[in-house]
């Protein structure tokens, strides 16, 4: 089970203790801010480290540039979603999930 849009809205740290999440999904607003300076990088880095320390996966949402993908990969985030990695499509349920998710490289 993934905690979507982590760091925004209703996705609080409290949920990490109460529910059996296997993955955190970094909200796209944090990914888009990666080029804005060290403070933005620190927030993303902290989310990645938190996920790793809890032994759960982490996925970056809204990856649109090579610079974002490279920065995420350097920080230890290996999975991403976004227009850089593939365009969204309407496919029947049950099709290969490999088309809907890509690895950040």
PDB file of N, CA and C in Angstrom:
ATOM      1  N   UNK A   1       0.851  -1.161   0.000  1.00  0.00           N
ATOM      2  CA  UNK A   1       0.000   0.000   0.000  1.00  0.00           C
ATOM      3  C   UNK A   1       0.906   1.235   0.000  1.00  0.00           C
ATOM      4  N   UNK A   2       0.627   2.184  -0.865  1.00  0.00           N
ATOM      5  CA  UNK A   2       1.433   3.399  -0.999  1.00  0.00           C
ATOM      6  C   UNK A   2       0.719   4.595  -0.380  1.00  0.00           C
ATOM      7  N   UNK A   3       1.515   5.445   0.272  1.00  0.00           N
ATOM      8  CA  UNK A   3       0.997   6.713   0.797  1.00  0.00           C
ATOM      9  C   UNK A   3       1.259   7.765  -0.268  1.00  0.00           C
ATOM     10  N   UNK A   4       0.206   8.164  -0.968  1.00  0.00           N
ATOM     11  CA  UNK A   4       0.291   9.073  -2.108  1.00  0.00           C
ATOM     12  C   UNK A   4       0.437  10.520  -1.645  1.00  0.00           C
ATOM     13  N   UNK A   5       1.086  11.339  -2.475  1.00  0.00           N
ATOM     14  CA  UNK A   5       1.253  12.782  -2.227  1.00  0.00           C
ATOM     15  C   UNK A   5       1.855  13.062  -0.855  1.00  0.00           C
ATOM     16  N   UNK A   6       2.863  12.273  -0.470  1.00  0.00           N
ATOM     17  CA  UNK A   6       3.429  12.409   0.868  1.00  0.00           C
ATOM     18  C   UNK A   6       3.954  13.820   1.098  1.00  0.00           C
ATOM     19  N   UNK A   7       3.631  14.359   2.257  1.00  0.00           N
ATOM     20  CA  UNK A   7       4.074  15.691   2.648  1.00  0.00           C
ATOM     21  C   UNK A   7       3.041  16.771   2.413  1.00  0.00           C
ATOM     22  N   UNK A   8       1.902  16.413   1.855  1.00  0.00           N
ATOM     23  CA  UNK A   8       0.857  17.401   1.591  1.00  0.00           C
ATOM     24  C   UNK A   8      -0.486  16.893   2.110  1.00  0.00           C
ATOM     25  N   UNK A   9      -1.407  17.785   2.268  1.00  0.00           N
ATOM     26  CA  UNK A   9      -2.786  17.433   2.606  1.00  0.00           C
ATOM     27  C   UNK A   9      -2.923  16.515   3.794  1.00  0.00           C
ATOM     28  N   UNK A  10      -3.586  15.393   3.581  1.00  0.00           N
ATOM     29  CA  UNK A  10      -3.896  14.463   4.663  1.00  0.00           C
ATOM     30  C   UNK A  10      -2.839  13.384   4.866  1.00  0.00           C
ATOM     31  N   UNK A  11      -1.751  13.413   4.117  1.00  0.00           N
ATOM     32  CA  UNK A  11      -0.730  12.366   4.241  1.00  0.00           C
ATOM     33  C   UNK A  11       0.295  12.752   5.309  1.00  0.00           C
ATOM     34  N   UNK A  12      -0.049  12.554   6.543  1.00  0.00           N
ATOM     35  CA  UNK A  12       0.812  12.962   7.648  1.00  0.00           C
ATOM     36  C   UNK A  12       1.702  11.822   8.127  1.00  0.00           C
ATOM     37  N   UNK A  13       2.687  12.177   8.935  1.00  0.00           N
ATOM     38  CA  UNK A  13       3.591  11.187   9.517  1.00  0.00           C
ATOM     39  C   UNK A  13       2.836  10.199  10.401  1.00  0.00           C
ATOM     40  N   UNK A  14       1.778  10.634  11.006  1.00  0.00           N
ATOM     41  CA  UNK A  14       0.972   9.769  11.872  1.00  0.00           C
ATOM     42  C   UNK A  14       0.515   8.517  11.130  1.00  0.00           C
ATOM     43  N   UNK A  15       0.181   8.660   9.858  1.00  0.00           N
ATOM     44  CA  UNK A  15      -0.288   7.523   9.070  1.00  0.00           C
ATOM     45  C   UNK A  15       0.775   6.438   8.940  1.00  0.00           C
ATOM     46  N   UNK A  16       2.040   6.821   8.971  1.00  0.00           N
ATOM     47  CA  UNK A  16       3.112   5.841   8.827  1.00  0.00           C
ATOM     48  C   UNK A  16       3.132   4.857   9.994  1.00  0.00           C
ATOM     49  N   UNK A  17       2.689   5.292  11.149  1.00  0.00           N
ATOM     50  CA  UNK A  17       2.642   4.410  12.317  1.00  0.00           C
ATOM     51  C   UNK A  17       1.365   3.585  12.352  1.00  0.00           C
ATOM     52  N   UNK A  18       0.298   4.110  11.790  1.00  0.00           N
ATOM     53  CA  UNK A  18      -1.011   3.481  11.941  1.00  0.00           C
ATOM     54  C   UNK A  18      -1.376   2.503  10.834  1.00  0.00           C
ATOM     55  N   UNK A  19      -0.790   2.658   9.665  1.00  0.00           N
ATOM     56  CA  UNK A  19      -1.182   1.836   8.522  1.00  0.00           C
ATOM     57  C   UNK A  19       0.039   1.129   7.932  1.00  0.00           C
ATOM     58  N   UNK A  20      -0.158  -0.036   7.322  1.00  0.00           N
ATOM     59  CA  UNK A  20       0.962  -0.841   6.832  1.00  0.00           C
ATOM     60  C   UNK A  20       1.458  -0.436   5.431  1.00  0.00           C
ATOM     61  N   UNK A  21       1.986   0.772   5.313  1.00  0.00           N
ATOM     62  CA  UNK A  21       2.461   1.226   4.016  1.00  0.00           C
ATOM     63  C   UNK A  21       3.730   0.495   3.604  1.00  0.00           C
ATOM     64  N   UNK A  22       3.849   0.256   2.314  1.00  0.00           N
ATOM     65  CA  UNK A  22       5.060  -0.347   1.762  1.00  0.00           C
ATOM     66  C   UNK A  22       5.813   0.642   0.875  1.00  0.00           C
ATOM     67  N   UNK A  23       5.215   1.820   0.683  1.00  0.00           N
ATOM     68  CA  UNK A  23       5.832   2.810  -0.205  1.00  0.00           C
ATOM     69  C   UNK A  23       5.327   4.215   0.108  1.00  0.00           C
ATOM     70  N   UNK A  24       6.237   5.196  -0.015  1.00  0.00           N
ATOM     71  CA  UNK A  24       5.884   6.615   0.031  1.00  0.00           C
ATOM     72  C   UNK A  24       5.995   7.167  -1.372  1.00  0.00           C
ATOM     73  N   UNK A  25       5.049   8.001  -1.751  1.00  0.00           N
ATOM     74  CA  UNK A  25       5.124   8.672  -3.051  1.00  0.00           C
ATOM     75  C   UNK A  25       5.337  10.160  -2.780  1.00  0.00           C
ATOM     76  N   UNK A  26       6.489  10.663  -3.201  1.00  0.00           N
ATOM     77  CA  UNK A  26       6.839  12.068  -2.978  1.00  0.00           C
ATOM     78  C   UNK A  26       5.953  12.935  -3.868  1.00  0.00           C
ATOM     79  N   UNK A  27       5.258  13.869  -3.269  1.00  0.00           N
ATOM     80  CA  UNK A  27       4.357  14.739  -4.025  1.00  0.00           C
ATOM     81  C   UNK A  27       5.117  15.522  -5.095  1.00  0.00           C
ATOM     82  N   UNK A  28       4.483  15.695  -6.227  1.00  0.00           N
ATOM     83  CA  UNK A  28       5.109  16.360  -7.370  1.00  0.00           C
ATOM     84  C   UNK A  28       5.547  17.788  -7.062  1.00  0.00           C
ATOM     85  N   UNK A  29       4.890  18.453  -6.121  1.00  0.00           N
ATOM     86  CA  UNK A  29       5.284  19.826  -5.784  1.00  0.00           C
ATOM     87  C   UNK A  29       6.710  19.858  -5.235  1.00  0.00           C
ATOM     88  N   UNK A  30       7.116  18.821  -4.515  1.00  0.00           N
ATOM     89  CA  UNK A  30       8.483  18.742  -4.007  1.00  0.00           C
ATOM     90  C   UNK A  30       9.465  18.430  -5.129  1.00  0.00           C
ATOM     91  N   UNK A  31       9.065  17.562  -6.041  1.00  0.00           N
ATOM     92  CA  UNK A  31       9.924  17.201  -7.180  1.00  0.00           C
ATOM     93  C   UNK A  31      10.156  18.425  -8.062  1.00  0.00           C
ATOM     94  N   UNK A  32       9.116  19.191  -8.314  1.00  0.00           N
ATOM     95  CA  UNK A  32       9.244  20.383  -9.160  1.00  0.00           C
ATOM     96  C   UNK A  32      10.141  21.440  -8.523  1.00  0.00           C
ATOM     97  N   UNK A  33      10.230  21.453  -7.212  1.00  0.00           N
ATOM     98  CA  UNK A  33      11.041  22.449  -6.509  1.00  0.00           C
ATOM     99  C   UNK A  33      12.519  22.065  -6.421  1.00  0.00           C
ATOM    100  N   UNK A  34      12.887  20.895  -6.922  1.00  0.00           N
ATOM    101  CA  UNK A  34      14.267  20.437  -6.801  1.00  0.00           C
ATOM    102  C   UNK A  34      15.270  21.460  -7.311  1.00  0.00           C
ATOM    103  N   UNK A  35      14.999  22.148  -8.383  1.00  0.00           N
ATOM    104  CA  UNK A  35      15.928  23.129  -8.935  1.00  0.00           C
ATOM    105  C   UNK A  35      15.922  24.475  -8.228  1.00  0.00           C
ATOM    106  N   UNK A  36      15.105  24.611  -7.187  1.00  0.00           N
ATOM    107  CA  UNK A  36      14.953  25.899  -6.510  1.00  0.00           C
ATOM    108  C   UNK A  36      15.987  26.159  -5.423  1.00  0.00           C
ATOM    109  N   UNK A  37      16.846  25.191  -5.145  1.00  0.00           N
ATOM    110  CA  UNK A  37      17.885  25.427  -4.146  1.00  0.00           C
ATOM    111  C   UNK A  37      18.020  24.309  -3.145  1.00  0.00           C
ATOM    112  N   UNK A  38      18.947  24.513  -2.221  1.00  0.00           N
ATOM    113  CA  UNK A  38      19.286  23.480  -1.245  1.00  0.00           C
ATOM    114  C   UNK A  38      18.138  23.137  -0.308  1.00  0.00           C
ATOM    115  N   UNK A  39      17.306  24.099   0.044  1.00  0.00           N
ATOM    116  CA  UNK A  39      16.184  23.824   0.951  1.00  0.00           C
ATOM    117  C   UNK A  39      15.220  22.812   0.327  1.00  0.00           C
ATOM    118  N   UNK A  40      14.897  22.998  -0.934  1.00  0.00           N
ATOM    119  CA  UNK A  40      14.000  22.070  -1.628  1.00  0.00           C
ATOM    120  C   UNK A  40      14.636  20.683  -1.717  1.00  0.00           C
ATOM    121  N   UNK A  41      15.922  20.632  -2.013  1.00  0.00           N
ATOM    122  CA  UNK A  41      16.630  19.351  -2.059  1.00  0.00           C
ATOM    123  C   UNK A  41      16.616  18.663  -0.700  1.00  0.00           C
ATOM    124  N   UNK A  42      16.753  19.426   0.355  1.00  0.00           N
ATOM    125  CA  UNK A  42      16.757  18.868   1.706  1.00  0.00           C
ATOM    126  C   UNK A  42      15.433  18.200   2.042  1.00  0.00           C
ATOM    127  N   UNK A  43      14.335  18.783   1.624  1.00  0.00           N
ATOM    128  CA  UNK A  43      13.018  18.197   1.890  1.00  0.00           C
ATOM    129  C   UNK A  43      12.897  16.856   1.168  1.00  0.00           C
ATOM    130  N   UNK A  44      13.261  16.821  -0.094  1.00  0.00           N
ATOM    131  CA  UNK A  44      13.170  15.579  -0.867  1.00  0.00           C
ATOM    132  C   UNK A  44      14.124  14.533  -0.291  1.00  0.00           C
ATOM    133  N   UNK A  45      15.330  14.925   0.004  1.00  0.00           N
ATOM    134  CA  UNK A  45      16.326  14.013   0.577  1.00  0.00           C
ATOM    135  C   UNK A  45      15.808  13.412   1.895  1.00  0.00           C
ATOM    136  N   UNK A  46      15.170  14.237   2.713  1.00  0.00           N
ATOM    137  CA  UNK A  46      14.639  13.776   4.002  1.00  0.00           C
ATOM    138  C   UNK A  46      13.521  12.758   3.810  1.00  0.00           C
ATOM    139  N   UNK A  47      12.648  12.987   2.850  1.00  0.00           N
ATOM    140  CA  UNK A  47      11.565  12.033   2.575  1.00  0.00           C
ATOM    141  C   UNK A  47      12.152  10.698   2.117  1.00  0.00           C
ATOM    142  N   UNK A  48      13.158  10.746   1.250  1.00  0.00           N
ATOM    143  CA  UNK A  48      13.806   9.519   0.766  1.00  0.00           C
ATOM    144  C   UNK A  48      14.463   8.780   1.925  1.00  0.00           C
ATOM    145  N   UNK A  49      15.174   9.499   2.776  1.00  0.00           N
ATOM    146  CA  UNK A  49      15.841   8.876   3.923  1.00  0.00           C
ATOM    147  C   UNK A  49      14.831   8.299   4.908  1.00  0.00           C
ATOM    148  N   UNK A  50      13.713   8.990   5.106  1.00  0.00           N
ATOM    149  CA  UNK A  50      12.665   8.496   5.989  1.00  0.00           C
ATOM    150  C   UNK A  50      12.134   7.160   5.478  1.00  0.00           C
ATOM    151  N   UNK A  51      11.817   7.102   4.192  1.00  0.00           N
ATOM    152  CA  UNK A  51      11.310   5.864   3.606  1.00  0.00           C
ATOM    153  C   UNK A  51      12.317   4.730   3.783  1.00  0.00           C
ATOM    154  N   UNK A  52      13.570   5.013   3.484  1.00  0.00           N
ATOM    155  CA  UNK A  52      14.596   3.976   3.602  1.00  0.00           C
ATOM    156  C   UNK A  52      14.764   3.524   5.049  1.00  0.00           C
ATOM    157  N   UNK A  53      14.706   4.454   5.992  1.00  0.00           N
ATOM    158  CA  UNK A  53      14.869   4.081   7.394  1.00  0.00           C
ATOM    159  C   UNK A  53      13.695   3.241   7.896  1.00  0.00           C
ATOM    160  N   UNK A  54      12.527   3.407   7.283  1.00  0.00           N
ATOM    161  CA  UNK A  54      11.353   2.608   7.636  1.00  0.00           C
ATOM    162  C   UNK A  54      11.298   1.290   6.858  1.00  0.00           C
ATOM    163  N   UNK A  55      12.232   1.127   5.919  1.00  0.00           N
ATOM    164  CA  UNK A  55      12.277  -0.097   5.131  1.00  0.00           C
ATOM    165  C   UNK A  55      11.186  -0.190   4.083  1.00  0.00           C
ATOM    166  N   UNK A  56      10.740   0.976   3.589  1.00  0.00           N
ATOM    167  CA  UNK A  56       9.704   0.983   2.555  1.00  0.00           C
ATOM    168  C   UNK A  56      10.229   1.686   1.301  1.00  0.00           C
ATOM    169  N   UNK A  57       9.578   1.429   0.189  1.00  0.00           N
ATOM    170  CA  UNK A  57       9.979   2.026  -1.077  1.00  0.00           C
ATOM    171  C   UNK A  57       9.590   3.488  -1.161  1.00  0.00           C
ATOM    172  N   UNK A  58      10.171   4.157  -2.151  1.00  0.00           N
ATOM    173  CA  UNK A  58       9.856   5.566  -2.375  1.00  0.00           C
ATOM    174  C   UNK A  58       9.779   5.824  -3.877  1.00  0.00           C
ATOM    175  N   UNK A  59       8.738   6.539  -4.287  1.00  0.00           N
ATOM    176  CA  UNK A  59       8.525   6.895  -5.692  1.00  0.00           C
ATOM    177  C   UNK A  59       8.349   8.401  -5.793  1.00  0.00           C
ATOM    178  N   UNK A  60       9.034   9.021  -6.744  1.00  0.00           N
ATOM    179  CA  UNK A  60       8.897  10.454  -6.992  1.00  0.00           C
ATOM    180  C   UNK A  60       7.819  10.677  -8.049  1.00  0.00           C
ATOM    181  N   UNK A  61       6.872  11.537  -7.748  1.00  0.00           N
ATOM    182  CA  UNK A  61       5.801  11.867  -8.694  1.00  0.00           C
ATOM    183  C   UNK A  61       6.155  13.135  -9.459  1.00  0.00           C
ATOM    184  N   UNK A  62       5.727  13.210 -10.704  1.00  0.00           N
ATOM    185  CA  UNK A  62       5.880  14.437 -11.479  1.00  0.00           C
ATOM    186  C   UNK A  62       7.272  14.686 -12.005  1.00  0.00           C
ATOM    187  N   UNK A  63       8.028  13.629 -12.298  1.00  0.00           N
ATOM    188  CA  UNK A  63       9.377  13.789 -12.842  1.00  0.00           C
ATOM    189  C   UNK A  63       9.247  14.224 -14.306  1.00  0.00           C
ATOM    190  N   UNK A  64       9.722  15.439 -14.603  1.00  0.00           N
ATOM    191  CA  UNK A  64       9.555  15.981 -15.951  1.00  0.00           C
ATOM    192  C   UNK A  64      10.859  16.330 -16.645  1.00  0.00           C
ATOM    193  N   UNK A  65      11.955  16.410 -15.906  1.00  0.00           N
ATOM    194  CA  UNK A  65      13.229  16.785 -16.532  1.00  0.00           C
ATOM    195  C   UNK A  65      14.327  15.794 -16.163  1.00  0.00           C
ATOM    196  N   UNK A  66      15.348  15.738 -17.012  1.00  0.00           N
ATOM    197  CA  UNK A  66      16.513  14.897 -16.735  1.00  0.00           C
ATOM    198  C   UNK A  66      17.201  15.340 -15.448  1.00  0.00           C
ATOM    199  N   UNK A  67      17.251  16.654 -15.216  1.00  0.00           N
ATOM    200  CA  UNK A  67      17.900  17.167 -14.007  1.00  0.00           C
ATOM    201  C   UNK A  67      17.189  16.654 -12.755  1.00  0.00           C
ATOM    202  N   UNK A  68      15.866  16.629 -12.774  1.00  0.00           N
ATOM    203  CA  UNK A  68      15.112  16.095 -11.647  1.00  0.00           C
ATOM    204  C   UNK A  68      15.413  14.611 -11.461  1.00  0.00           C
ATOM    205  N   UNK A  69      15.394  13.856 -12.551  1.00  0.00           N
ATOM    206  CA  UNK A  69      15.651  12.415 -12.481  1.00  0.00           C
ATOM    207  C   UNK A  69      17.047  12.136 -11.947  1.00  0.00           C
ATOM    208  N   UNK A  70      18.026  12.876 -12.416  1.00  0.00           N
ATOM    209  CA  UNK A  70      19.399  12.678 -11.961  1.00  0.00           C
ATOM    210  C   UNK A  70      19.555  13.022 -10.483  1.00  0.00           C
ATOM    211  N   UNK A  71      18.942  14.118 -10.047  1.00  0.00           N
ATOM    212  CA  UNK A  71      19.021  14.514  -8.642  1.00  0.00           C
ATOM    213  C   UNK A  71      18.350  13.470  -7.750  1.00  0.00           C
ATOM    214  N   UNK A  72      17.198  12.979  -8.162  1.00  0.00           N
ATOM    215  CA  UNK A  72      16.483  11.963  -7.393  1.00  0.00           C
ATOM    216  C   UNK A  72      17.294  10.683  -7.294  1.00  0.00           C
ATOM    217  N   UNK A  73      17.857  10.271  -8.396  1.00  0.00           N
ATOM    218  CA  UNK A  73      18.677   9.055  -8.411  1.00  0.00           C
ATOM    219  C   UNK A  73      19.890   9.215  -7.496  1.00  0.00           C
ATOM    220  N   UNK A  74      20.532  10.377  -7.543  1.00  0.00           N
ATOM    221  CA  UNK A  74      21.702  10.638  -6.694  1.00  0.00           C
ATOM    222  C   UNK A  74      21.334  10.604  -5.211  1.00  0.00           C
ATOM    223  N   UNK A  75      20.095  10.948  -4.881  1.00  0.00           N
ATOM    224  CA  UNK A  75      19.645  10.940  -3.488  1.00  0.00           C
ATOM    225  C   UNK A  75      19.145   9.564  -3.049  1.00  0.00           C
ATOM    226  N   UNK A  76      19.098   8.608  -3.976  1.00  0.00           N
ATOM    227  CA  UNK A  76      18.687   7.255  -3.623  1.00  0.00           C
ATOM    228  C   UNK A  76      17.273   6.875  -3.996  1.00  0.00           C
ATOM    229  N   UNK A  77      16.580   7.757  -4.716  1.00  0.00           N
ATOM    230  CA  UNK A  77      15.228   7.434  -5.186  1.00  0.00           C
ATOM    231  C   UNK A  77      15.372   6.717  -6.525  1.00  0.00           C
ATOM    232  N   UNK A  78      14.878   5.492  -6.597  1.00  0.00           N
ATOM    233  CA  UNK A  78      15.072   4.689  -7.797  1.00  0.00           C
ATOM    234  C   UNK A  78      13.823   4.536  -8.658  1.00  0.00           C
ATOM    235  N   UNK A  79      12.689   5.025  -8.165  1.00  0.00           N
ATOM    236  CA  UNK A  79      11.443   4.864  -8.912  1.00  0.00           C
ATOM    237  C   UNK A  79      10.760   6.216  -9.075  1.00  0.00           C
ATOM    238  N   UNK A  80      10.241   6.455 -10.278  1.00  0.00           N
ATOM    239  CA  UNK A  80       9.580   7.720 -10.539  1.00  0.00           C
ATOM    240  C   UNK A  80       8.400   7.578 -11.472  1.00  0.00           C
ATOM    241  N   UNK A  81       7.589   8.603 -11.465  1.00  0.00           N
ATOM    242  CA  UNK A  81       6.458   8.716 -12.378  1.00  0.00           C
ATOM    243  C   UNK A  81       6.482  10.129 -12.936  1.00  0.00           C
ATOM    244  N   UNK A  82       6.110  10.289 -14.189  1.00  0.00           N
ATOM    245  CA  UNK A  82       6.031  11.622 -14.755  1.00  0.00           C
ATOM    246  C   UNK A  82       6.212  11.606 -16.261  1.00  0.00           C
ATOM    247  N   UNK A  83       6.014  12.761 -16.869  1.00  0.00           N
ATOM    248  CA  UNK A  83       6.061  12.870 -18.323  1.00  0.00           C
ATOM    249  C   UNK A  83       7.429  12.535 -18.902  1.00  0.00           C
ATOM    250  N   UNK A  84       8.503  12.740 -18.144  1.00  0.00           N
ATOM    251  CA  UNK A  84       9.826  12.357 -18.641  1.00  0.00           C
ATOM    252  C   UNK A  84       9.900  10.852 -18.854  1.00  0.00           C
ATOM    253  N   UNK A  85       9.230  10.102 -18.015  1.00  0.00           N
ATOM    254  CA  UNK A  85       9.328   8.648 -18.024  1.00  0.00           C
ATOM    255  C   UNK A  85       8.252   7.975 -18.862  1.00  0.00           C
ATOM    256  N   UNK A  86       7.187   8.665 -19.162  1.00  0.00           N
ATOM    257  CA  UNK A  86       6.128   8.092 -19.979  1.00  0.00           C
ATOM    258  C   UNK A  86       4.853   8.903 -19.885  1.00  0.00           C
ATOM    259  N   UNK A  87       4.150   8.974 -20.961  1.00  0.00           N
ATOM    260  CA  UNK A  87       2.895   9.714 -20.981  1.00  0.00           C
ATOM    261  C   UNK A  87       1.791   8.865 -20.364  1.00  0.00           C
ATOM    262  N   UNK A  88       0.864   9.497 -19.624  1.00  0.00           N
ATOM    263  CA  UNK A  88      -0.254   8.731 -19.076  1.00  0.00           C
ATOM    264  C   UNK A  88      -1.137   8.212 -20.206  1.00  0.00           C
ATOM    265  N   UNK A  89      -1.718   7.052 -19.980  1.00  0.00           N
ATOM    266  CA  UNK A  89      -2.591   6.489 -21.004  1.00  0.00           C
ATOM    267  C   UNK A  89      -3.797   5.841 -20.344  1.00  0.00           C
ATOM    268  N   UNK A  90      -4.833   5.696 -21.110  1.00  0.00           N
ATOM    269  CA  UNK A  90      -6.025   5.004 -20.634  1.00  0.00           C
ATOM    270  C   UNK A  90      -5.951   3.577 -21.163  1.00  0.00           C
ATOM    271  N   UNK A  91      -5.630   2.649 -20.283  1.00  0.00           N
ATOM    272  CA  UNK A  91      -5.518   1.242 -20.663  1.00  0.00           C
ATOM    273  C   UNK A  91      -6.486   0.426 -19.827  1.00  0.00           C
ATOM    274  N   UNK A  92      -6.956  -0.658 -20.376  1.00  0.00           N
ATOM    275  CA  UNK A  92      -7.842  -1.525 -19.593  1.00  0.00           C
ATOM    276  C   UNK A  92      -7.112  -2.049 -18.357  1.00  0.00           C
ATOM    277  N   UNK A  93      -7.834  -2.224 -17.277  1.00  0.00           N
ATOM    278  CA  UNK A  93      -7.239  -2.799 -16.077  1.00  0.00           C
ATOM    279  C   UNK A  93      -6.693  -4.176 -16.399  1.00  0.00           C
ATOM    280  N   UNK A  94      -5.587  -4.520 -15.755  1.00  0.00           N
ATOM    281  CA  UNK A  94      -4.990  -5.832 -15.956  1.00  0.00           C
ATOM    282  C   UNK A  94      -3.853  -5.817 -16.960  1.00  0.00           C
ATOM    283  N   UNK A  95      -3.610  -4.675 -17.633  1.00  0.00           N
ATOM    284  CA  UNK A  95      -2.482  -4.620 -18.552  1.00  0.00           C
ATOM    285  C   UNK A  95      -1.202  -4.477 -17.748  1.00  0.00           C
ATOM    286  N   UNK A  96      -0.101  -4.669 -18.384  1.00  0.00           N
ATOM    287  CA  UNK A  96       1.198  -4.653 -17.715  1.00  0.00           C
ATOM    288  C   UNK A  96       1.448  -3.349 -16.976  1.00  0.00           C
ATOM    289  N   UNK A  97       1.798  -3.459 -15.702  1.00  0.00           N
ATOM    290  CA  UNK A  97       2.086  -2.263 -14.915  1.00  0.00           C
ATOM    291  C   UNK A  97       3.405  -1.631 -15.319  1.00  0.00           C
ATOM    292  N   UNK A  98       4.221  -2.339 -16.080  1.00  0.00           N
ATOM    293  CA  UNK A  98       5.504  -1.778 -16.528  1.00  0.00           C
ATOM    294  C   UNK A  98       5.273  -0.543 -17.395  1.00  0.00           C
ATOM    295  N   UNK A  99       4.154  -0.471 -18.073  1.00  0.00           N
ATOM    296  CA  UNK A  99       3.856   0.703 -18.896  1.00  0.00           C
ATOM    297  C   UNK A  99       3.454   1.902 -18.046  1.00  0.00           C
ATOM    298  N   UNK A 100       2.904   1.637 -16.865  1.00  0.00           N
ATOM    299  CA  UNK A 100       2.420   2.719 -16.024  1.00  0.00           C
ATOM    300  C   UNK A 100       3.467   3.209 -15.044  1.00  0.00           C
ATOM    301  N   UNK A 101       4.554   2.477 -14.861  1.00  0.00           N
ATOM    302  CA  UNK A 101       5.634   2.859 -13.937  1.00  0.00           C
ATOM    303  C   UNK A 101       6.975   2.675 -14.613  1.00  0.00           C
ATOM    304  N   UNK A 102       7.879   3.540 -14.317  1.00  0.00           N
ATOM    305  CA  UNK A 102       9.220   3.428 -14.902  1.00  0.00           C
ATOM    306  C   UNK A 102      10.244   3.678 -13.815  1.00  0.00           C
ATOM    307  N   UNK A 103      11.421   3.183 -14.018  1.00  0.00           N
ATOM    308  CA  UNK A 103      12.525   3.393 -13.080  1.00  0.00           C
ATOM    309  C   UNK A 103      13.226   4.697 -13.412  1.00  0.00           C
ATOM    310  N   UNK A 104      13.594   5.445 -12.390  1.00  0.00           N
ATOM    311  CA  UNK A 104      14.412   6.635 -12.555  1.00  0.00           C
ATOM    312  C   UNK A 104      15.830   6.138 -12.747  1.00  0.00           C
ATOM    313  N   UNK A 105      16.461   6.554 -13.826  1.00  0.00           N
ATOM    314  CA  UNK A 105      17.849   6.106 -14.072  1.00  0.00           C
ATOM    315  C   UNK A 105      18.766   7.266 -14.279  1.00  0.00           C
TER     316      UNK A 105
END
